[in-house]
Amino acid sequence: MSDRTPIIPAGQEAYYERFHFAPAMKVGNTVYLSGIVGAPAGAPIPDDPAEEFAAVFSLMDATLVAAGGSIADVVELTSYHTDMSLMGAFMKAKDAAIGEPYPAWTAIGCTGLAQPGARVEVKATAVLDG
């Protein structure tokens, strides 16, 4: 079995301790990120969707930095949206955070997410250099 290392950035310990999942798991040079919502653990979801979406990518980058990489290492995204009419605002936040080469991406509409009030949850896969 490959060596698996849970990635638990400062401030995200509650996910591992209380809910029994790692914010990310590193296997070799690949990092698998759990679904990320637009608020740090225990904080409320922002009222402004643009702030929520920007926070998703900020938290994603912080998790990848803790794994030894950055958001530039993302190769695949899956996003779950409770309101597809906000896709333009989401894409603006995504494009501000992740440049070319763009990752593979699947967007899925859904009726609800585990975090009350969240409009989006994003999971990702990143491949770190060397």
C-alpha atoms as a PDB file:
ATOM      1  CA  MET A   1       0.000   0.000   0.000  1.00  0.00           C
ATOM      2  CA  SER A   2       1.221   3.513  -0.787  1.00  0.00           C
ATOM      3  CA  ASP A   3       2.235   5.816   2.005  1.00  0.00           C
ATOM      4  CA  ARG A   4      -0.751   8.004   2.821  1.00  0.00           C
ATOM      5  CA  THR A   5      -0.318  11.224   4.756  1.00  0.00           C
ATOM      6  CA  PRO A   6      -3.299  13.199   6.032  1.00  0.00           C
ATOM      7  CA  ILE A   7      -2.955  16.943   5.437  1.00  0.00           C
ATOM      8  CA  ILE A   8      -4.498  18.966   8.241  1.00  0.00           C
ATOM      9  CA  PRO A   9      -3.742  22.704   8.003  1.00  0.00           C
ATOM     10  CA  ALA A  10      -3.867  24.852  11.133  1.00  0.00           C
ATOM     11  CA  GLY A  11      -7.460  25.729  11.922  1.00  0.00           C
ATOM     12  CA  GLN A  12      -8.853  22.616  10.229  1.00  0.00           C
ATOM     13  CA  GLU A  13      -8.102  20.108  13.000  1.00  0.00           C
ATOM     14  CA  ALA A  14     -11.808  19.835  13.899  1.00  0.00           C
ATOM     15  CA  TYR A  15     -12.552  18.115  10.596  1.00  0.00           C
ATOM     16  CA  TYR A  16     -10.173  15.283  11.449  1.00  0.00           C
ATOM     17  CA  GLU A  17     -10.917  15.097  15.171  1.00  0.00           C
ATOM     18  CA  ARG A  18     -14.681  15.666  15.187  1.00  0.00           C
ATOM     19  CA  PHE A  19     -15.860  14.484  11.772  1.00  0.00           C
ATOM     20  CA  HIS A  20     -13.142  11.872  11.122  1.00  0.00           C
ATOM     21  CA  PHE A  21     -11.943  13.001   7.709  1.00  0.00           C
ATOM     22  CA  ALA A  22      -8.797  14.707   6.520  1.00  0.00           C
ATOM     23  CA  PRO A  23      -9.028  18.018   4.654  1.00  0.00           C
ATOM     24  CA  ALA A  24      -6.647  16.333   2.200  1.00  0.00           C
ATOM     25  CA  MET A  25      -4.755  13.098   1.762  1.00  0.00           C
ATOM     26  CA  LYS A  26      -1.319  12.962   0.128  1.00  0.00           C
ATOM     27  CA  VAL A  27      -0.346   9.748  -1.662  1.00  0.00           C
ATOM     28  CA  GLY A  28       3.041  10.006  -3.343  1.00  0.00           C
ATOM     29  CA  ASN A  29       3.011  13.340  -5.175  1.00  0.00           C
ATOM     30  CA  THR A  30      -0.785  13.408  -5.559  1.00  0.00           C
ATOM     31  CA  VAL A  31      -3.013  15.323  -3.136  1.00  0.00           C
ATOM     32  CA  TYR A  32      -6.723  14.545  -2.879  1.00  0.00           C
ATOM     33  CA  LEU A  33      -8.666  17.400  -1.310  1.00  0.00           C
ATOM     34  CA  SER A  34     -11.946  16.818   0.476  1.00  0.00           C
ATOM     35  CA  GLY A  35     -14.885  19.052  -0.360  1.00  0.00           C
ATOM     36  CA  ILE A  36     -14.202  22.655   0.625  1.00  0.00           C
ATOM     37  CA  VAL A  37     -16.885  25.189   1.456  1.00  0.00           C
ATOM     38  CA  GLY A  38     -16.410  28.953   1.562  1.00  0.00           C
ATOM     39  CA  ALA A  39     -15.824  29.418   5.276  1.00  0.00           C
ATOM     40  CA  PRO A  40     -13.131  28.213   7.676  1.00  0.00           C
ATOM     41  CA  ALA A  41     -14.152  25.519  10.176  1.00  0.00           C
ATOM     42  CA  GLY A  42     -16.743  26.886  12.579  1.00  0.00           C
ATOM     43  CA  ALA A  43     -17.195  30.189  10.722  1.00  0.00           C
ATOM     44  CA  PRO A  44     -20.432  31.163   9.001  1.00  0.00           C
ATOM     45  CA  ILE A  45     -20.774  31.127   5.222  1.00  0.00           C
ATOM     46  CA  PRO A  46     -20.452  34.717   3.912  1.00  0.00           C
ATOM     47  CA  ASP A  47     -23.676  36.395   2.767  1.00  0.00           C
ATOM     48  CA  ASP A  48     -21.981  37.511  -0.459  1.00  0.00           C
ATOM     49  CA  PRO A  49     -21.555  34.611  -2.925  1.00  0.00           C
ATOM     50  CA  ALA A  50     -18.410  36.209  -4.398  1.00  0.00           C
ATOM     51  CA  GLU A  51     -16.778  36.209  -0.940  1.00  0.00           C
ATOM     52  CA  GLU A  52     -17.860  32.608  -0.379  1.00  0.00           C
ATOM     53  CA  PHE A  53     -16.413  31.461  -3.693  1.00  0.00           C
ATOM     54  CA  ALA A  54     -13.136  33.346  -3.172  1.00  0.00           C
ATOM     55  CA  ALA A  55     -12.847  31.754   0.293  1.00  0.00           C
ATOM     56  CA  VAL A  56     -13.154  28.267  -1.243  1.00  0.00           C
ATOM     57  CA  PHE A  57     -10.066  28.857  -3.364  1.00  0.00           C
ATOM     58  CA  SER A  58      -8.171  30.556  -0.534  1.00  0.00           C
ATOM     59  CA  LEU A  59      -8.795  27.535   1.708  1.00  0.00           C
ATOM     60  CA  MET A  60      -7.833  25.216  -1.155  1.00  0.00           C
ATOM     61  CA  ASP A  61      -4.526  27.022  -1.583  1.00  0.00           C
ATOM     62  CA  ALA A  62      -3.834  26.930   2.181  1.00  0.00           C
ATOM     63  CA  THR A  63      -4.448  23.182   2.219  1.00  0.00           C
ATOM     64  CA  LEU A  64      -2.143  22.632  -0.745  1.00  0.00           C
ATOM     65  CA  VAL A  65       0.561  24.819   0.803  1.00  0.00           C
ATOM     66  CA  ALA A  66       0.364  22.598   3.906  1.00  0.00           C
ATOM     67  CA  ALA A  67       0.912  19.615   1.567  1.00  0.00           C
ATOM     68  CA  GLY A  68       3.987  21.227   0.000  1.00  0.00           C
ATOM     69  CA  GLY A  69       2.359  22.686  -3.111  1.00  0.00           C
ATOM     70  CA  SER A  70      -0.050  25.412  -4.137  1.00  0.00           C
ATOM     71  CA  ILE A  71      -3.312  25.924  -5.977  1.00  0.00           C
ATOM     72  CA  ALA A  72      -1.292  26.014  -9.219  1.00  0.00           C
ATOM     73  CA  ASP A  73      -0.836  22.235  -8.802  1.00  0.00           C
ATOM     74  CA  VAL A  74      -4.576  21.489  -9.180  1.00  0.00           C
ATOM     75  CA  VAL A  75      -5.285  19.166 -12.113  1.00  0.00           C
ATOM     76  CA  GLU A  76      -8.953  18.356 -11.470  1.00  0.00           C
ATOM     77  CA  LEU A  77     -11.939  20.061  -9.802  1.00  0.00           C
ATOM     78  CA  THR A  78     -15.442  18.872  -9.023  1.00  0.00           C
ATOM     79  CA  SER A  79     -17.840  21.548  -7.809  1.00  0.00           C
ATOM     80  CA  TYR A  80     -21.304  21.039  -6.339  1.00  0.00           C
ATOM     81  CA  HIS A  81     -23.681  24.009  -6.669  1.00  0.00           C
ATOM     82  CA  THR A  82     -27.017  24.639  -4.976  1.00  0.00           C
ATOM     83  CA  ASP A  83     -27.731  27.574  -7.302  1.00  0.00           C
ATOM     84  CA  MET A  84     -26.460  27.202 -10.848  1.00  0.00           C
ATOM     85  CA  SER A  85     -27.466  30.800 -11.621  1.00  0.00           C
ATOM     86  CA  LEU A  86     -24.365  31.861  -9.640  1.00  0.00           C
ATOM     87  CA  MET A  87     -22.025  30.015 -12.018  1.00  0.00           C
ATOM     88  CA  GLY A  88     -20.671  33.286 -13.481  1.00  0.00           C
ATOM     89  CA  ALA A  89     -19.578  34.513 -10.047  1.00  0.00           C
ATOM     90  CA  PHE A  90     -18.073  31.114  -9.278  1.00  0.00           C
ATOM     91  CA  MET A  91     -16.133  31.061 -12.544  1.00  0.00           C
ATOM     92  CA  LYS A  92     -14.789  34.548 -11.830  1.00  0.00           C
ATOM     93  CA  ALA A  93     -13.427  33.375  -8.461  1.00  0.00           C
ATOM     94  CA  LYS A  94     -12.043  30.176 -10.013  1.00  0.00           C
ATOM     95  CA  ASP A  95     -10.301  32.054 -12.802  1.00  0.00           C
ATOM     96  CA  ALA A  96      -8.831  34.580 -10.340  1.00  0.00           C
ATOM     97  CA  ALA A  97      -7.341  31.714  -8.318  1.00  0.00           C
ATOM     98  CA  ILE A  98      -6.296  29.204 -10.983  1.00  0.00           C
ATOM     99  CA  GLY A  99      -4.564  30.152 -14.213  1.00  0.00           C
ATOM    100  CA  GLU A 100      -3.453  28.223 -17.275  1.00  0.00           C
ATOM    101  CA  PRO A 101      -3.093  25.409 -17.796  1.00  0.00           C
ATOM    102  CA  TYR A 102      -6.662  25.101 -16.539  1.00  0.00           C
ATOM    103  CA  PRO A 103      -7.599  21.931 -14.651  1.00  0.00           C
ATOM    104  CA  ALA A 104     -10.228  19.444 -15.722  1.00  0.00           C
ATOM    105  CA  TRP A 105     -13.531  20.504 -14.142  1.00  0.00           C
ATOM    106  CA  THR A 106     -16.976  19.044 -13.560  1.00  0.00           C
ATOM    107  CA  ALA A 107     -19.797  21.226 -12.154  1.00  0.00           C
ATOM    108  CA  ILE A 108     -22.794  19.484 -10.616  1.00  0.00           C
ATOM    109  CA  GLY A 109     -26.081  21.032  -9.505  1.00  0.00           C
ATOM    110  CA  CYS A 110     -27.498  19.714  -6.235  1.00  0.00           C
ATOM    111  CA  THR A 111     -30.274  20.524  -3.790  1.00  0.00           C
ATOM    112  CA  GLY A 112     -28.167  20.858  -0.658  1.00  0.00           C
ATOM    113  CA  LEU A 113     -24.769  20.547   0.986  1.00  0.00           C
ATOM    114  CA  ALA A 114     -23.690  19.367   4.444  1.00  0.00           C
ATOM    115  CA  GLN A 115     -22.716  22.901   5.555  1.00  0.00           C
ATOM    116  CA  PRO A 116     -25.912  24.909   6.134  1.00  0.00           C
ATOM    117  CA  GLY A 117     -26.059  27.960   3.883  1.00  0.00           C
ATOM    118  CA  ALA A 118     -23.229  26.864   1.600  1.00  0.00           C
ATOM    119  CA  ARG A 119     -23.884  27.488  -2.071  1.00  0.00           C
ATOM    120  CA  VAL A 120     -20.883  25.513  -3.317  1.00  0.00           C
ATOM    121  CA  GLU A 121     -18.531  22.755  -2.247  1.00  0.00           C
ATOM    122  CA  VAL A 122     -15.414  21.956  -4.265  1.00  0.00           C
ATOM    123  CA  LYS A 123     -13.164  18.911  -4.181  1.00  0.00           C
ATOM    124  CA  ALA A 124      -9.922  18.748  -6.079  1.00  0.00           C
ATOM    125  CA  THR A 125      -6.919  16.664  -7.033  1.00  0.00           C
ATOM    126  CA  ALA A 126      -3.453  18.167  -7.280  1.00  0.00           C
ATOM    127  CA  VAL A 127      -0.169  16.717  -8.515  1.00  0.00           C
ATOM    128  CA  LEU A 128       2.928  18.186  -6.885  1.00  0.00           C
ATOM    129  CA  ASP A 129       6.215  18.537  -8.721  1.00  0.00           C
ATOM    130  CA  GLY A 130       8.817  15.895  -7.944  1.00  0.00           C
END
